[in-house]
Amino acid sequence: MSEFNINALDDVIHGRIRLGVMAYLVGAETADFSALKTHLGTTDGNLSVHLRKLEEAGYVTIEKSFRGRKPLTAVSLTPSGREAFTQYLGALSGLIGKS
């Protein structure tokens, strides 16, 4: 059984939108900005701020391109992001008494 340690929760991931991004990307690996926005029910600006924080932590990469004149933003989970998410889930499990 994991030890109860509230300080083990990763503050970068713990925010609702960032947690949603990480959980979505674990299954999808890569998602476009519009898909994330739709699935998370957030605004462009709010999602951008949260993605920037995840990118600064090295948890996601963001690739911007164009299809014709339409901008496309692809967000991908990095290996360190996947590891951080796994550790986050382990810490959360310790808080609720599951191993």
N, C-alpha and C. Protein backbone atom coordinates (compact mmCIF):
# COMPACT_ATOMS: atom_id res chain seq x y z
N MET A 1 0.84 -1.17 0.00
CA MET A 1 0.00 0.00 0.00
C MET A 1 0.89 1.25 0.00
N SER A 2 0.53 2.24 -0.78
CA SER A 2 1.28 3.48 -0.85
C SER A 2 1.06 4.29 0.42
N GLU A 3 2.05 5.14 0.74
CA GLU A 3 1.97 6.00 1.91
C GLU A 3 1.17 7.26 1.60
N PHE A 4 0.40 7.73 2.58
CA PHE A 4 -0.37 8.97 2.43
C PHE A 4 0.62 10.14 2.44
N ASN A 5 0.70 10.84 1.29
CA ASN A 5 1.63 11.96 1.18
C ASN A 5 1.05 12.98 0.20
N ILE A 6 0.36 13.96 0.73
CA ILE A 6 -0.27 14.98 -0.10
C ILE A 6 0.76 15.75 -0.93
N ASN A 7 1.97 15.85 -0.43
CA ASN A 7 3.03 16.59 -1.14
C ASN A 7 3.56 15.84 -2.36
N ALA A 8 3.18 14.58 -2.52
CA ALA A 8 3.64 13.81 -3.67
C ALA A 8 2.84 14.14 -4.93
N LEU A 9 1.70 14.84 -4.78
CA LEU A 9 0.91 15.21 -5.95
C LEU A 9 1.64 16.29 -6.74
N ASP A 10 1.75 16.09 -8.02
CA ASP A 10 2.42 17.03 -8.93
C ASP A 10 1.48 18.21 -9.17
N ASP A 11 1.86 19.39 -8.68
CA ASP A 11 1.02 20.58 -8.83
C ASP A 11 0.80 20.98 -10.28
N VAL A 12 1.73 20.64 -11.16
CA VAL A 12 1.56 20.97 -12.58
C VAL A 12 0.40 20.17 -13.16
N ILE A 13 0.29 18.93 -12.80
CA ILE A 13 -0.77 18.07 -13.33
C ILE A 13 -2.09 18.27 -12.60
N HIS A 14 -2.04 18.62 -11.33
CA HIS A 14 -3.21 18.57 -10.46
C HIS A 14 -4.37 19.49 -10.85
N GLY A 15 -4.14 20.54 -11.59
CA GLY A 15 -5.24 21.40 -12.02
C GLY A 15 -6.21 20.64 -12.91
N ARG A 16 -7.49 20.94 -12.80
CA ARG A 16 -8.53 20.18 -13.52
C ARG A 16 -8.29 20.11 -15.02
N ILE A 17 -7.99 21.21 -15.66
CA ILE A 17 -7.78 21.21 -17.11
C ILE A 17 -6.50 20.46 -17.46
N ARG A 18 -5.44 20.70 -16.73
CA ARG A 18 -4.17 20.00 -17.01
C ARG A 18 -4.31 18.51 -16.77
N LEU A 19 -5.01 18.13 -15.72
CA LEU A 19 -5.27 16.71 -15.47
C LEU A 19 -6.05 16.11 -16.64
N GLY A 20 -7.03 16.83 -17.13
CA GLY A 20 -7.82 16.37 -18.27
C GLY A 20 -6.98 16.21 -19.51
N VAL A 21 -6.08 17.15 -19.76
CA VAL A 21 -5.19 17.06 -20.93
C VAL A 21 -4.32 15.81 -20.82
N MET A 22 -3.72 15.62 -19.66
CA MET A 22 -2.83 14.48 -19.47
C MET A 22 -3.59 13.16 -19.61
N ALA A 23 -4.76 13.07 -18.99
CA ALA A 23 -5.56 11.84 -19.07
C ALA A 23 -5.97 11.55 -20.51
N TYR A 24 -6.35 12.59 -21.24
CA TYR A 24 -6.75 12.40 -22.64
C TYR A 24 -5.57 11.93 -23.48
N LEU A 25 -4.41 12.56 -23.27
CA LEU A 25 -3.24 12.22 -24.09
C LEU A 25 -2.66 10.85 -23.77
N VAL A 26 -2.87 10.34 -22.58
CA VAL A 26 -2.38 9.00 -22.26
C VAL A 26 -2.98 7.99 -23.22
N GLY A 27 -4.24 8.18 -23.56
CA GLY A 27 -4.89 7.26 -24.50
C GLY A 27 -4.69 7.64 -25.95
N ALA A 28 -4.65 8.93 -26.24
CA ALA A 28 -4.60 9.40 -27.62
C ALA A 28 -3.18 9.64 -28.14
N GLU A 29 -2.21 9.80 -27.24
CA GLU A 29 -0.83 10.14 -27.58
C GLU A 29 -0.70 11.56 -28.14
N THR A 30 -1.49 11.86 -29.18
CA THR A 30 -1.48 13.19 -29.80
C THR A 30 -2.92 13.62 -30.05
N ALA A 31 -3.18 14.90 -29.81
CA ALA A 31 -4.52 15.43 -30.07
C ALA A 31 -4.38 16.84 -30.61
N ASP A 32 -5.33 17.25 -31.44
CA ASP A 32 -5.27 18.63 -31.89
C ASP A 32 -5.99 19.52 -30.88
N PHE A 33 -5.65 20.78 -30.93
CA PHE A 33 -6.15 21.77 -29.98
C PHE A 33 -7.68 21.76 -29.93
N SER A 34 -8.32 21.69 -31.08
CA SER A 34 -9.79 21.72 -31.12
C SER A 34 -10.40 20.52 -30.42
N ALA A 35 -9.81 19.36 -30.59
CA ALA A 35 -10.33 18.15 -29.92
C ALA A 35 -10.20 18.29 -28.41
N LEU A 36 -9.05 18.77 -27.95
CA LEU A 36 -8.86 18.97 -26.51
C LEU A 36 -9.86 19.98 -25.97
N LYS A 37 -10.01 21.06 -26.70
CA LYS A 37 -10.95 22.12 -26.28
C LYS A 37 -12.37 21.56 -26.15
N THR A 38 -12.78 20.78 -27.12
CA THR A 38 -14.12 20.19 -27.10
C THR A 38 -14.29 19.20 -25.96
N HIS A 39 -13.33 18.29 -25.80
CA HIS A 39 -13.44 17.26 -24.77
C HIS A 39 -13.36 17.84 -23.36
N LEU A 40 -12.62 18.92 -23.20
CA LEU A 40 -12.44 19.49 -21.87
C LEU A 40 -13.42 20.62 -21.57
N GLY A 41 -14.15 21.06 -22.57
CA GLY A 41 -15.13 22.12 -22.37
C GLY A 41 -14.52 23.42 -21.89
N THR A 42 -13.45 23.83 -22.52
CA THR A 42 -12.73 25.03 -22.10
C THR A 42 -12.66 26.04 -23.25
N THR A 43 -12.17 27.20 -22.95
CA THR A 43 -12.00 28.23 -23.97
C THR A 43 -10.61 28.14 -24.57
N ASP A 44 -10.42 28.80 -25.72
CA ASP A 44 -9.09 28.83 -26.36
C ASP A 44 -8.03 29.36 -25.40
N GLY A 45 -8.32 30.51 -24.80
CA GLY A 45 -7.33 31.15 -23.93
C GLY A 45 -7.00 30.31 -22.71
N ASN A 46 -8.01 29.74 -22.08
CA ASN A 46 -7.79 28.92 -20.90
C ASN A 46 -6.96 27.69 -21.24
N LEU A 47 -7.30 27.01 -22.33
CA LEU A 47 -6.55 25.82 -22.73
C LEU A 47 -5.11 26.19 -23.08
N SER A 48 -4.92 27.30 -23.76
CA SER A 48 -3.56 27.74 -24.12
C SER A 48 -2.68 27.93 -22.90
N VAL A 49 -3.23 28.56 -21.87
CA VAL A 49 -2.46 28.80 -20.64
C VAL A 49 -2.06 27.47 -20.00
N HIS A 50 -2.99 26.53 -19.93
CA HIS A 50 -2.69 25.24 -19.30
C HIS A 50 -1.71 24.42 -20.14
N LEU A 51 -1.84 24.47 -21.46
CA LEU A 51 -0.90 23.75 -22.32
C LEU A 51 0.51 24.32 -22.18
N ARG A 52 0.60 25.64 -22.07
CA ARG A 52 1.91 26.27 -21.91
C ARG A 52 2.58 25.78 -20.62
N LYS A 53 1.81 25.67 -19.54
CA LYS A 53 2.37 25.20 -18.28
C LYS A 53 2.86 23.75 -18.40
N LEU A 54 2.08 22.90 -19.07
CA LEU A 54 2.50 21.51 -19.28
C LEU A 54 3.73 21.44 -20.19
N GLU A 55 3.79 22.31 -21.19
CA GLU A 55 4.94 22.33 -22.08
C GLU A 55 6.19 22.79 -21.34
N GLU A 56 6.07 23.81 -20.51
CA GLU A 56 7.21 24.31 -19.74
C GLU A 56 7.75 23.25 -18.79
N ALA A 57 6.87 22.37 -18.30
CA ALA A 57 7.30 21.28 -17.42
C ALA A 57 7.91 20.13 -18.20
N GLY A 58 7.79 20.16 -19.53
CA GLY A 58 8.32 19.08 -20.37
C GLY A 58 7.38 17.90 -20.50
N TYR A 59 6.12 18.08 -20.12
CA TYR A 59 5.15 16.98 -20.15
C TYR A 59 4.48 16.81 -21.50
N VAL A 60 4.41 17.88 -22.27
CA VAL A 60 3.83 17.80 -23.61
C VAL A 60 4.71 18.59 -24.58
N THR A 61 4.58 18.24 -25.85
CA THR A 61 5.17 19.06 -26.90
C THR A 61 4.03 19.62 -27.73
N ILE A 62 4.24 20.81 -28.24
CA ILE A 62 3.23 21.47 -29.04
C ILE A 62 3.83 21.80 -30.40
N GLU A 63 3.17 21.33 -31.44
CA GLU A 63 3.65 21.57 -32.80
C GLU A 63 2.58 22.35 -33.56
N LYS A 64 2.98 23.49 -34.07
CA LYS A 64 2.06 24.34 -34.82
C LYS A 64 2.37 24.24 -36.30
N SER A 65 1.31 24.14 -37.10
CA SER A 65 1.45 24.06 -38.55
C SER A 65 0.22 24.70 -39.18
N PHE A 66 0.16 24.63 -40.48
CA PHE A 66 -0.99 25.15 -41.21
C PHE A 66 -1.48 24.12 -42.20
N ARG A 67 -2.77 24.05 -42.36
CA ARG A 67 -3.39 23.27 -43.43
C ARG A 67 -4.10 24.30 -44.29
N GLY A 68 -3.47 24.62 -45.43
CA GLY A 68 -3.94 25.75 -46.21
C GLY A 68 -3.67 27.01 -45.39
N ARG A 69 -4.71 27.75 -45.10
CA ARG A 69 -4.56 28.94 -44.26
C ARG A 69 -5.03 28.72 -42.82
N LYS A 70 -5.46 27.51 -42.54
CA LYS A 70 -5.99 27.22 -41.21
C LYS A 70 -4.86 26.73 -40.29
N PRO A 71 -4.67 27.42 -39.16
CA PRO A 71 -3.64 26.96 -38.22
C PRO A 71 -4.05 25.67 -37.52
N LEU A 72 -3.09 24.80 -37.33
CA LEU A 72 -3.30 23.53 -36.62
C LEU A 72 -2.29 23.44 -35.48
N THR A 73 -2.77 23.05 -34.34
CA THR A 73 -1.90 22.86 -33.18
C THR A 73 -2.06 21.42 -32.70
N ALA A 74 -0.97 20.67 -32.71
CA ALA A 74 -0.98 19.28 -32.24
C ALA A 74 -0.24 19.21 -30.91
N VAL A 75 -0.85 18.54 -29.95
CA VAL A 75 -0.27 18.39 -28.62
C VAL A 75 0.03 16.91 -28.41
N SER A 76 1.25 16.62 -27.99
CA SER A 76 1.68 15.24 -27.78
C SER A 76 2.26 15.06 -26.38
N LEU A 77 2.01 13.91 -25.80
CA LEU A 77 2.57 13.56 -24.51
C LEU A 77 4.03 13.15 -24.69
N THR A 78 4.91 13.65 -23.84
CA THR A 78 6.32 13.25 -23.90
C THR A 78 6.53 12.04 -22.99
N PRO A 79 7.65 11.34 -23.16
CA PRO A 79 7.95 10.24 -22.23
C PRO A 79 8.00 10.71 -20.77
N SER A 80 8.57 11.88 -20.51
CA SER A 80 8.61 12.37 -19.13
C SER A 80 7.21 12.74 -18.65
N GLY A 81 6.35 13.18 -19.56
CA GLY A 81 4.97 13.46 -19.21
C GLY A 81 4.22 12.20 -18.83
N ARG A 82 4.46 11.14 -19.58
CA ARG A 82 3.82 9.85 -19.27
C ARG A 82 4.29 9.35 -17.91
N GLU A 83 5.59 9.46 -17.64
CA GLU A 83 6.13 9.03 -16.35
C GLU A 83 5.57 9.88 -15.21
N ALA A 84 5.49 11.20 -15.41
CA ALA A 84 4.95 12.09 -14.38
C ALA A 84 3.49 11.76 -14.09
N PHE A 85 2.73 11.42 -15.13
CA PHE A 85 1.32 11.08 -14.95
C PHE A 85 1.18 9.77 -14.18
N THR A 86 2.03 8.81 -14.49
CA THR A 86 2.02 7.54 -13.76
C THR A 86 2.33 7.76 -12.28
N GLN A 87 3.32 8.60 -12.01
CA GLN A 87 3.67 8.92 -10.63
C GLN A 87 2.54 9.66 -9.93
N TYR A 88 1.90 10.57 -10.66
CA TYR A 88 0.76 11.31 -10.11
C TYR A 88 -0.35 10.35 -9.70
N LEU A 89 -0.68 9.41 -10.58
CA LEU A 89 -1.72 8.43 -10.27
C LEU A 89 -1.35 7.58 -9.05
N GLY A 90 -0.07 7.23 -8.93
CA GLY A 90 0.40 6.47 -7.77
C GLY A 90 0.25 7.27 -6.49
N ALA A 91 0.59 8.56 -6.54
CA ALA A 91 0.46 9.43 -5.37
C ALA A 91 -1.01 9.60 -5.00
N LEU A 92 -1.86 9.76 -5.99
CA LEU A 92 -3.30 9.90 -5.74
C LEU A 92 -3.85 8.62 -5.12
N SER A 93 -3.41 7.51 -5.63
CA SER A 93 -3.82 6.21 -5.09
C SER A 93 -3.43 6.09 -3.62
N GLY A 94 -2.24 6.58 -3.28
CA GLY A 94 -1.79 6.54 -1.89
C GLY A 94 -2.69 7.38 -0.98
N LEU A 95 -3.23 8.45 -1.51
CA LEU A 95 -4.10 9.31 -0.70
C LEU A 95 -5.44 8.66 -0.39
N ILE A 96 -5.90 7.82 -1.30
CA ILE A 96 -7.20 7.21 -1.10
C ILE A 96 -7.08 5.77 -0.56
N GLY A 97 -5.85 5.37 -0.26
CA GLY A 97 -5.65 4.07 0.36
C GLY A 97 -5.65 2.89 -0.57
N LYS A 98 -5.42 3.13 -1.87
CA LYS A 98 -5.33 2.03 -2.85
C LYS A 98 -3.88 1.91 -3.27
N SER A 99 -3.48 0.71 -3.60
CA SER A 99 -2.11 0.54 -4.09
C SER A 99 -2.12 0.10 -5.52
